[in-house]
Amino acid sequence: MGNDIARQFGHLEPEKAAVQVGTHIEKFWDPRMRRNLHELLAPASGHLDEADPLLVAGLRRLERDDTDDAERRKPTGG
Protein backbone atom coordinates (compact mmCIF):
# COMPACT_ATOMS: atom_id res chain seq x y z
CA MET A 1 0.00 0.00 0.00
CA GLY A 2 2.89 2.35 0.74
CA ASN A 3 4.24 2.02 -2.79
CA ASP A 4 0.79 2.91 -4.16
CA ILE A 5 0.72 6.07 -2.06
CA ALA A 6 4.20 7.03 -3.23
CA ARG A 7 3.11 6.63 -6.86
CA GLN A 8 0.21 9.03 -6.27
CA PHE A 9 2.70 11.78 -5.46
CA GLY A 10 5.18 10.86 -8.21
CA HIS A 11 4.14 13.85 -10.32
CA LEU A 12 5.62 16.23 -7.74
CA GLU A 13 9.24 17.26 -7.40
CA PRO A 14 10.93 14.55 -5.25
CA GLU A 15 11.41 16.74 -2.17
CA LYS A 16 7.75 17.81 -2.12
CA ALA A 17 6.59 14.30 -2.91
CA ALA A 18 8.52 12.90 0.06
CA VAL A 19 6.93 15.48 2.36
CA GLN A 20 3.47 14.60 1.09
CA VAL A 21 4.05 10.85 1.40
CA GLY A 22 5.21 11.28 5.00
CA THR A 23 2.27 13.58 5.74
CA HIS A 24 -0.21 11.12 4.28
CA ILE A 25 1.18 8.26 6.36
CA GLU A 26 1.13 10.39 9.50
CA LYS A 27 -2.39 11.62 8.86
CA PHE A 28 -4.14 8.44 7.72
CA TRP A 29 -2.23 5.43 9.02
CA ASP A 30 -2.79 4.24 12.56
CA PRO A 31 0.26 3.75 14.80
CA ARG A 32 0.30 -0.02 14.28
CA MET A 33 0.46 0.42 10.48
CA ARG A 34 3.28 2.97 10.81
CA ARG A 35 5.19 0.65 13.15
CA ASN A 36 4.82 -2.23 10.68
CA LEU A 37 6.08 -0.02 7.86
CA HIS A 38 9.12 0.99 9.91
CA GLU A 39 9.87 -2.67 10.60
CA LEU A 40 9.34 -3.66 6.98
CA LEU A 41 11.68 -0.95 5.71
CA ALA A 42 14.38 -1.37 8.33
CA PRO A 43 17.74 -1.87 6.61
CA ALA A 44 18.16 -5.34 8.12
CA SER A 45 14.74 -6.51 6.91
CA GLY A 46 15.84 -7.23 3.37
CA HIS A 47 12.74 -5.49 1.97
CA LEU A 48 14.12 -2.01 1.50
CA ASP A 49 14.90 -2.63 -2.18
CA GLU A 50 11.21 -3.46 -2.81
CA ALA A 51 10.04 -0.04 -1.63
CA ASP A 52 9.43 2.94 -3.87
CA PRO A 53 12.20 5.50 -3.18
CA LEU A 54 9.55 8.14 -2.46
CA LEU A 55 8.05 5.90 0.21
CA VAL A 56 11.44 5.51 1.86
CA ALA A 57 12.07 9.26 1.67
CA GLY A 58 8.60 9.99 3.06
CA LEU A 59 9.15 7.60 5.94
CA ARG A 60 12.47 9.27 6.75
CA ARG A 61 10.74 12.64 6.79
CA LEU A 62 8.10 11.25 9.11
CA GLU A 63 10.85 9.95 11.42
CA ARG A 64 12.36 13.46 11.52
CA ASP A 65 8.91 15.04 12.04
CA ASP A 66 9.48 16.96 8.80
CA THR A 67 5.98 16.74 7.35
CA ASP A 68 3.46 19.34 6.21
CA ASP A 69 1.75 20.66 9.36
CA ALA A 70 -0.83 22.69 7.45
CA GLU A 71 -1.83 19.71 5.31
CA ARG A 72 -1.93 17.38 8.31
CA ARG A 73 -4.36 19.70 10.11
CA LYS A 74 -6.78 20.02 7.18
CA PRO A 75 -10.05 18.21 7.84
CA THR A 76 -10.62 15.11 5.79
CA GLY A 77 -13.83 14.04 4.11
CA GLY A 78 -16.20 11.66 5.68
PDB file of N, CA and C in Angstrom:
ATOM      1  N   MET A   1       0.823  -1.187   0.000  1.00  0.00           N
ATOM      2  CA  MET A   1       0.000   0.000   0.000  1.00  0.00           C
ATOM      3  C   MET A   1       0.872   1.258   0.000  1.00  0.00           C
ATOM      4  N   GLY A   2       1.997   1.193   0.698  1.00  0.00           N
ATOM      5  CA  GLY A   2       2.890   2.349   0.738  1.00  0.00           C
ATOM      6  C   GLY A   2       3.418   2.722  -0.633  1.00  0.00           C
ATOM      7  N   ASN A   3       3.758   1.731  -1.444  1.00  0.00           N
ATOM      8  CA  ASN A   3       4.237   2.018  -2.794  1.00  0.00           C
ATOM      9  C   ASN A   3       3.149   2.688  -3.633  1.00  0.00           C
ATOM     10  N   ASP A   4       1.901   2.286  -3.435  1.00  0.00           N
ATOM     11  CA  ASP A   4       0.793   2.908  -4.164  1.00  0.00           C
ATOM     12  C   ASP A   4       0.664   4.385  -3.789  1.00  0.00           C
ATOM     13  N   ILE A   5       0.801   4.681  -2.517  1.00  0.00           N
ATOM     14  CA  ILE A   5       0.723   6.073  -2.061  1.00  0.00           C
ATOM     15  C   ILE A   5       1.864   6.881  -2.667  1.00  0.00           C
ATOM     16  N   ALA A   6       3.054   6.322  -2.653  1.00  0.00           N
ATOM     17  CA  ALA A   6       4.200   7.028  -3.233  1.00  0.00           C
ATOM     18  C   ALA A   6       3.962   7.337  -4.702  1.00  0.00           C
ATOM     19  N   ARG A   7       3.392   6.401  -5.430  1.00  0.00           N
ATOM     20  CA  ARG A   7       3.114   6.631  -6.861  1.00  0.00           C
ATOM     21  C   ARG A   7       2.107   7.767  -7.064  1.00  0.00           C
ATOM     22  N   GLN A   8       1.202   7.951  -6.144  1.00  0.00           N
ATOM     23  CA  GLN A   8       0.210   9.027  -6.269  1.00  0.00           C
ATOM     24  C   GLN A   8       0.861  10.411  -6.218  1.00  0.00           C
ATOM     25  N   PHE A   9       2.011  10.492  -5.570  1.00  0.00           N
ATOM     26  CA  PHE A   9       2.699  11.779  -5.461  1.00  0.00           C
ATOM     27  C   PHE A   9       3.893  11.872  -6.410  1.00  0.00           C
ATOM     28  N   GLY A  10       4.051  10.908  -7.289  1.00  0.00           N
ATOM     29  CA  GLY A  10       5.177  10.862  -8.207  1.00  0.00           C
ATOM     30  C   GLY A  10       5.245  12.013  -9.191  1.00  0.00           C
ATOM     31  N   HIS A  11       4.138  12.724  -9.380  1.00  0.00           N
ATOM     32  CA  HIS A  11       4.136  13.847 -10.315  1.00  0.00           C
ATOM     33  C   HIS A  11       4.786  15.097  -9.715  1.00  0.00           C
ATOM     34  N   LEU A  12       5.000  15.083  -8.402  1.00  0.00           N
ATOM     35  CA  LEU A  12       5.620  16.226  -7.737  1.00  0.00           C
ATOM     36  C   LEU A  12       7.138  16.126  -7.786  1.00  0.00           C
ATOM     37  N   GLU A  13       7.794  17.253  -7.562  1.00  0.00           N
ATOM     38  CA  GLU A  13       9.239  17.257  -7.395  1.00  0.00           C
ATOM     39  C   GLU A  13       9.571  16.337  -6.209  1.00  0.00           C
ATOM     40  N   PRO A  14      10.653  15.574  -6.270  1.00  0.00           N
ATOM     41  CA  PRO A  14      10.934  14.547  -5.252  1.00  0.00           C
ATOM     42  C   PRO A  14      10.884  15.034  -3.807  1.00  0.00           C
ATOM     43  N   GLU A  15      11.419  16.200  -3.542  1.00  0.00           N
ATOM     44  CA  GLU A  15      11.412  16.737  -2.166  1.00  0.00           C
ATOM     45  C   GLU A  15       9.977  16.945  -1.674  1.00  0.00           C
ATOM     46  N   LYS A  16       9.151  17.574  -2.497  1.00  0.00           N
ATOM     47  CA  LYS A  16       7.753  17.810  -2.120  1.00  0.00           C
ATOM     48  C   LYS A  16       6.977  16.501  -2.034  1.00  0.00           C
ATOM     49  N   ALA A  17       7.272  15.595  -2.930  1.00  0.00           N
ATOM     50  CA  ALA A  17       6.592  14.298  -2.912  1.00  0.00           C
ATOM     51  C   ALA A  17       6.895  13.561  -1.614  1.00  0.00           C
ATOM     52  N   ALA A  18       8.147  13.576  -1.185  1.00  0.00           N
ATOM     53  CA  ALA A  18       8.519  12.897   0.057  1.00  0.00           C
ATOM     54  C   ALA A  18       7.789  13.500   1.250  1.00  0.00           C
ATOM     55  N   VAL A  19       7.674  14.819   1.277  1.00  0.00           N
ATOM     56  CA  VAL A  19       6.934  15.485   2.364  1.00  0.00           C
ATOM     57  C   VAL A  19       5.476  15.027   2.352  1.00  0.00           C
ATOM     58  N   GLN A  20       4.877  14.975   1.179  1.00  0.00           N
ATOM     59  CA  GLN A  20       3.467  14.598   1.093  1.00  0.00           C
ATOM     60  C   GLN A  20       3.239  13.122   1.430  1.00  0.00           C
ATOM     61  N   VAL A  21       4.165  12.268   1.045  1.00  0.00           N
ATOM     62  CA  VAL A  21       4.046  10.845   1.395  1.00  0.00           C
ATOM     63  C   VAL A  21       4.109  10.701   2.915  1.00  0.00           C
ATOM     64  N   GLY A  22       5.090  11.338   3.543  1.00  0.00           N
ATOM     65  CA  GLY A  22       5.206  11.282   4.999  1.00  0.00           C
ATOM     66  C   GLY A  22       3.986  11.852   5.690  1.00  0.00           C
ATOM     67  N   THR A  23       3.465  12.954   5.164  1.00  0.00           N
ATOM     68  CA  THR A  23       2.274  13.582   5.744  1.00  0.00           C
ATOM     69  C   THR A  23       1.072  12.655   5.630  1.00  0.00           C
ATOM     70  N   HIS A  24       0.919  12.035   4.479  1.00  0.00           N
ATOM     71  CA  HIS A  24      -0.207  11.121   4.284  1.00  0.00           C
ATOM     72  C   HIS A  24      -0.137   9.951   5.279  1.00  0.00           C
ATOM     73  N   ILE A  25       1.028   9.386   5.430  1.00  0.00           N
ATOM     74  CA  ILE A  25       1.184   8.263   6.356  1.00  0.00           C
ATOM     75  C   ILE A  25       0.878   8.710   7.781  1.00  0.00           C
ATOM     76  N   GLU A  26       1.382   9.873   8.141  1.00  0.00           N
ATOM     77  CA  GLU A  26       1.130  10.389   9.496  1.00  0.00           C
ATOM     78  C   GLU A  26      -0.353  10.663   9.729  1.00  0.00           C
ATOM     79  N   LYS A  27      -1.004  11.187   8.715  1.00  0.00           N
ATOM     80  CA  LYS A  27      -2.393  11.619   8.856  1.00  0.00           C
ATOM     81  C   LYS A  27      -3.384  10.452   8.812  1.00  0.00           C
ATOM     82  N   PHE A  28      -3.125   9.464   7.972  1.00  0.00           N
ATOM     83  CA  PHE A  28      -4.139   8.444   7.724  1.00  0.00           C
ATOM     84  C   PHE A  28      -3.812   7.040   8.233  1.00  0.00           C
ATOM     85  N   TRP A  29      -2.581   6.778   8.560  1.00  0.00           N
ATOM     86  CA  TRP A  29      -2.226   5.435   9.016  1.00  0.00           C
ATOM     87  C   TRP A  29      -2.233   5.396  10.533  1.00  0.00           C
ATOM     88  N   ASP A  30      -2.800   4.350  11.100  1.00  0.00           N
ATOM     89  CA  ASP A  30      -2.788   4.239  12.555  1.00  0.00           C
ATOM     90  C   ASP A  30      -1.378   3.835  13.020  1.00  0.00           C
ATOM     91  N   PRO A  31      -1.095   4.027  14.310  1.00  0.00           N
ATOM     92  CA  PRO A  31       0.264   3.750  14.803  1.00  0.00           C
ATOM     93  C   PRO A  31       0.759   2.336  14.506  1.00  0.00           C
ATOM     94  N   ARG A  32      -0.114   1.351  14.558  1.00  0.00           N
ATOM     95  CA  ARG A  32       0.300  -0.021  14.279  1.00  0.00           C
ATOM     96  C   ARG A  32       0.772  -0.155  12.835  1.00  0.00           C
ATOM     97  N   MET A  33       0.062   0.475  11.895  1.00  0.00           N
ATOM     98  CA  MET A  33       0.458   0.416  10.485  1.00  0.00           C
ATOM     99  C   MET A  33       1.811   1.104  10.275  1.00  0.00           C
ATOM    100  N   ARG A  34       1.993   2.262  10.928  1.00  0.00           N
ATOM    101  CA  ARG A  34       3.279   2.969  10.811  1.00  0.00           C
ATOM    102  C   ARG A  34       4.416   2.131  11.395  1.00  0.00           C
ATOM    103  N   ARG A  35       4.178   1.504  12.519  1.00  0.00           N
ATOM    104  CA  ARG A  35       5.192   0.650  13.152  1.00  0.00           C
ATOM    105  C   ARG A  35       5.562  -0.510  12.217  1.00  0.00           C
ATOM    106  N   ASN A  36       4.556  -1.129  11.624  1.00  0.00           N
ATOM    107  CA  ASN A  36       4.822  -2.230  10.683  1.00  0.00           C
ATOM    108  C   ASN A  36       5.634  -1.758   9.489  1.00  0.00           C
ATOM    109  N   LEU A  37       5.330  -0.569   8.985  1.00  0.00           N
ATOM    110  CA  LEU A  37       6.078  -0.025   7.855  1.00  0.00           C
ATOM    111  C   LEU A  37       7.530   0.211   8.253  1.00  0.00           C
ATOM    112  N   HIS A  38       7.752   0.779   9.429  1.00  0.00           N
ATOM    113  CA  HIS A  38       9.123   0.992   9.912  1.00  0.00           C
ATOM    114  C   HIS A  38       9.881  -0.337   9.972  1.00  0.00           C
ATOM    115  N   GLU A  39       9.226  -1.354  10.493  1.00  0.00           N
ATOM    116  CA  GLU A  39       9.865  -2.670  10.599  1.00  0.00           C
ATOM    117  C   GLU A  39      10.149  -3.258   9.219  1.00  0.00           C
ATOM    118  N   LEU A  40       9.195  -3.115   8.326  1.00  0.00           N
ATOM    119  CA  LEU A  40       9.345  -3.660   6.981  1.00  0.00           C
ATOM    120  C   LEU A  40      10.487  -2.994   6.222  1.00  0.00           C
ATOM    121  N   LEU A  41      10.667  -1.689   6.456  1.00  0.00           N
ATOM    122  CA  LEU A  41      11.678  -0.947   5.709  1.00  0.00           C
ATOM    123  C   LEU A  41      12.964  -0.739   6.490  1.00  0.00           C
ATOM    124  N   ALA A  42      13.112  -1.436   7.601  1.00  0.00           N
ATOM    125  CA  ALA A  42      14.379  -1.371   8.333  1.00  0.00           C
ATOM    126  C   ALA A  42      15.475  -1.957   7.444  1.00  0.00           C
ATOM    127  N   PRO A  43      16.662  -1.372   7.482  1.00  0.00           N
ATOM    128  CA  PRO A  43      17.737  -1.865   6.611  1.00  0.00           C
ATOM    129  C   PRO A  43      18.001  -3.371   6.739  1.00  0.00           C
ATOM    130  N   ALA A  44      17.868  -3.917   7.913  1.00  0.00           N
ATOM    131  CA  ALA A  44      18.161  -5.342   8.117  1.00  0.00           C
ATOM    132  C   ALA A  44      17.030  -6.259   7.656  1.00  0.00           C
ATOM    133  N   SER A  45      15.898  -5.692   7.270  1.00  0.00           N
ATOM    134  CA  SER A  45      14.735  -6.508   6.914  1.00  0.00           C
ATOM    135  C   SER A  45      14.884  -7.223   5.580  1.00  0.00           C
ATOM    136  N   GLY A  46      15.690  -6.650   4.698  1.00  0.00           N
ATOM    137  CA  GLY A  46      15.843  -7.227   3.371  1.00  0.00           C
ATOM    138  C   GLY A  46      14.748  -6.804   2.408  1.00  0.00           C
ATOM    139  N   HIS A  47      13.847  -5.924   2.826  1.00  0.00           N
ATOM    140  CA  HIS A  47      12.740  -5.493   1.967  1.00  0.00           C
ATOM    141  C   HIS A  47      12.911  -4.073   1.440  1.00  0.00           C
ATOM    142  N   LEU A  48      13.937  -3.410   1.869  1.00  0.00           N
ATOM    143  CA  LEU A  48      14.119  -2.009   1.501  1.00  0.00           C
ATOM    144  C   LEU A  48      14.178  -1.819  -0.010  1.00  0.00           C
ATOM    145  N   ASP A  49      14.770  -2.760  -0.729  1.00  0.00           N
ATOM    146  CA  ASP A  49      14.902  -2.626  -2.179  1.00  0.00           C
ATOM    147  C   ASP A  49      13.573  -2.808  -2.908  1.00  0.00           C
ATOM    148  N   GLU A  50      12.540  -3.287  -2.214  1.00  0.00           N
ATOM    149  CA  GLU A  50      11.214  -3.455  -2.813  1.00  0.00           C
ATOM    150  C   GLU A  50      10.357  -2.192  -2.693  1.00  0.00           C
ATOM    151  N   ALA A  51      10.823  -1.247  -1.903  1.00  0.00           N
ATOM    152  CA  ALA A  51      10.040  -0.038  -1.629  1.00  0.00           C
ATOM    153  C   ALA A  51      10.326   1.049  -2.655  1.00  0.00           C
ATOM    154  N   ASP A  52       9.282   1.779  -3.015  1.00  0.00           N
ATOM    155  CA  ASP A  52       9.430   2.944  -3.874  1.00  0.00           C
ATOM    156  C   ASP A  52      10.342   3.941  -3.143  1.00  0.00           C
ATOM    157  N   PRO A  53      11.310   4.532  -3.840  1.00  0.00           N
ATOM    158  CA  PRO A  53      12.205   5.502  -3.179  1.00  0.00           C
ATOM    159  C   PRO A  53      11.454   6.666  -2.518  1.00  0.00           C
ATOM    160  N   LEU A  54      10.327   7.068  -3.091  1.00  0.00           N
ATOM    161  CA  LEU A  54       9.554   8.139  -2.456  1.00  0.00           C
ATOM    162  C   LEU A  54       8.933   7.686  -1.137  1.00  0.00           C
ATOM    163  N   LEU A  55       8.570   6.426  -1.046  1.00  0.00           N
ATOM    164  CA  LEU A  55       8.052   5.895   0.209  1.00  0.00           C
ATOM    165  C   LEU A  55       9.144   5.926   1.268  1.00  0.00           C
ATOM    166  N   VAL A  56      10.326   5.501   0.911  1.00  0.00           N
ATOM    167  CA  VAL A  56      11.443   5.506   1.859  1.00  0.00           C
ATOM    168  C   VAL A  56      11.750   6.940   2.293  1.00  0.00           C
ATOM    169  N   ALA A  57      11.798   7.857   1.343  1.00  0.00           N
ATOM    170  CA  ALA A  57      12.074   9.260   1.669  1.00  0.00           C
ATOM    171  C   ALA A  57      10.964   9.846   2.537  1.00  0.00           C
ATOM    172  N   GLY A  58       9.719   9.508   2.247  1.00  0.00           N
ATOM    173  CA  GLY A  58       8.604   9.993   3.063  1.00  0.00           C
ATOM    174  C   GLY A  58       8.659   9.457   4.475  1.00  0.00           C
ATOM    175  N   LEU A  59       9.026   8.195   4.616  1.00  0.00           N
ATOM    176  CA  LEU A  59       9.148   7.599   5.939  1.00  0.00           C
ATOM    177  C   LEU A  59      10.268   8.276   6.723  1.00  0.00           C
ATOM    178  N   ARG A  60      11.369   8.582   6.069  1.00  0.00           N
ATOM    179  CA  ARG A  60      12.471   9.271   6.746  1.00  0.00           C
ATOM    180  C   ARG A  60      12.032  10.664   7.202  1.00  0.00           C
ATOM    181  N   ARG A  61      11.245  11.334   6.384  1.00  0.00           N
ATOM    182  CA  ARG A  61      10.738  12.644   6.785  1.00  0.00           C
ATOM    183  C   ARG A  61       9.821  12.519   7.997  1.00  0.00           C
ATOM    184  N   LEU A  62       8.998  11.507   7.983  1.00  0.00           N
ATOM    185  CA  LEU A  62       8.104  11.254   9.113  1.00  0.00           C
ATOM    186  C   LEU A  62       8.921  10.990  10.379  1.00  0.00           C
ATOM    187  N   GLU A  63       9.984  10.235  10.271  1.00  0.00           N
ATOM    188  CA  GLU A  63      10.849   9.955  11.424  1.00  0.00           C
ATOM    189  C   GLU A  63      11.463  11.232  11.980  1.00  0.00           C
ATOM    190  N   ARG A  64      11.757  12.186  11.096  1.00  0.00           N
ATOM    191  CA  ARG A  64      12.356  13.463  11.524  1.00  0.00           C
ATOM    192  C   ARG A  64      11.293  14.499  11.895  1.00  0.00           C
ATOM    193  N   ASP A  65      10.036  14.115  11.810  1.00  0.00           N
ATOM    194  CA  ASP A  65       8.915  15.037  12.036  1.00  0.00           C
ATOM    195  C   ASP A  65       9.003  16.230  11.081  1.00  0.00           C
ATOM    196  N   ASP A  66       9.333  15.943   9.838  1.00  0.00           N
ATOM    197  CA  ASP A  66       9.475  16.958   8.796  1.00  0.00           C
ATOM    198  C   ASP A  66       8.367  16.752   7.770  1.00  0.00           C
ATOM    199  N   THR A  67       7.122  16.904   8.232  1.00  0.00           N
ATOM    200  CA  THR A  67       5.976  16.743   7.354  1.00  0.00           C
ATOM    201  C   THR A  67       5.239  18.073   7.259  1.00  0.00           C
ATOM    202  N   ASP A  68       4.201  18.111   6.480  1.00  0.00           N
ATOM    203  CA  ASP A  68       3.460  19.339   6.211  1.00  0.00           C
ATOM    204  C   ASP A  68       2.383  19.559   7.280  1.00  0.00           C
ATOM    205  N   ASP A  69       2.690  20.422   8.259  1.00  0.00           N
ATOM    206  CA  ASP A  69       1.752  20.663   9.363  1.00  0.00           C
ATOM    207  C   ASP A  69       0.403  21.186   8.882  1.00  0.00           C
ATOM    208  N   ALA A  70       0.426  22.109   7.937  1.00  0.00           N
ATOM    209  CA  ALA A  70      -0.826  22.688   7.451  1.00  0.00           C
ATOM    210  C   ALA A  70      -1.691  21.623   6.783  1.00  0.00           C
ATOM    211  N   GLU A  71      -1.086  20.763   5.990  1.00  0.00           N
ATOM    212  CA  GLU A  71      -1.830  19.709   5.311  1.00  0.00           C
ATOM    213  C   GLU A  71      -2.345  18.688   6.329  1.00  0.00           C
ATOM    214  N   ARG A  72      -1.536  18.377   7.298  1.00  0.00           N
ATOM    215  CA  ARG A  72      -1.930  17.384   8.312  1.00  0.00           C
ATOM    216  C   ARG A  72      -3.151  17.863   9.108  1.00  0.00           C
ATOM    217  N   ARG A  73      -3.262  19.162   9.303  1.00  0.00           N
ATOM    218  CA  ARG A  73      -4.362  19.703  10.109  1.00  0.00           C
ATOM    219  C   ARG A  73      -5.652  19.915   9.319  1.00  0.00           C
ATOM    220  N   LYS A  74      -5.574  19.849   8.000  1.00  0.00           N
ATOM    221  CA  LYS A  74      -6.783  20.020   7.182  1.00  0.00           C
ATOM    222  C   LYS A  74      -7.776  18.922   7.498  1.00  0.00           C
ATOM    223  N   PRO A  75      -9.057  19.273   7.617  1.00  0.00           N
ATOM    224  CA  PRO A  75     -10.050  18.206   7.839  1.00  0.00           C
ATOM    225  C   PRO A  75     -10.147  17.305   6.617  1.00  0.00           C
ATOM    226  N   THR A  76     -10.452  16.075   6.870  1.00  0.00           N
ATOM    227  CA  THR A  76     -10.623  15.113   5.790  1.00  0.00           C
ATOM    228  C   THR A  76     -12.105  14.881   5.556  1.00  0.00           C
ATOM    229  N   GLY A  77     -12.423  14.320   4.425  1.00  0.00           N
ATOM    230  CA  GLY A  77     -13.827  14.040   4.110  1.00  0.00           C
ATOM    231  C   GLY A  77     -14.384  12.959   5.016  1.00  0.00           C
ATOM    232  N   GLY A  78     -15.645  12.741   4.887  1.00  0.00           N
ATOM    233  CA  GLY A  78     -16.204  11.660   5.682  1.00  0.00           C
ATOM    234  C   GLY A  78     -17.485  11.963   6.301  1.00  0.00           C
TER     235      GLY A  78
END
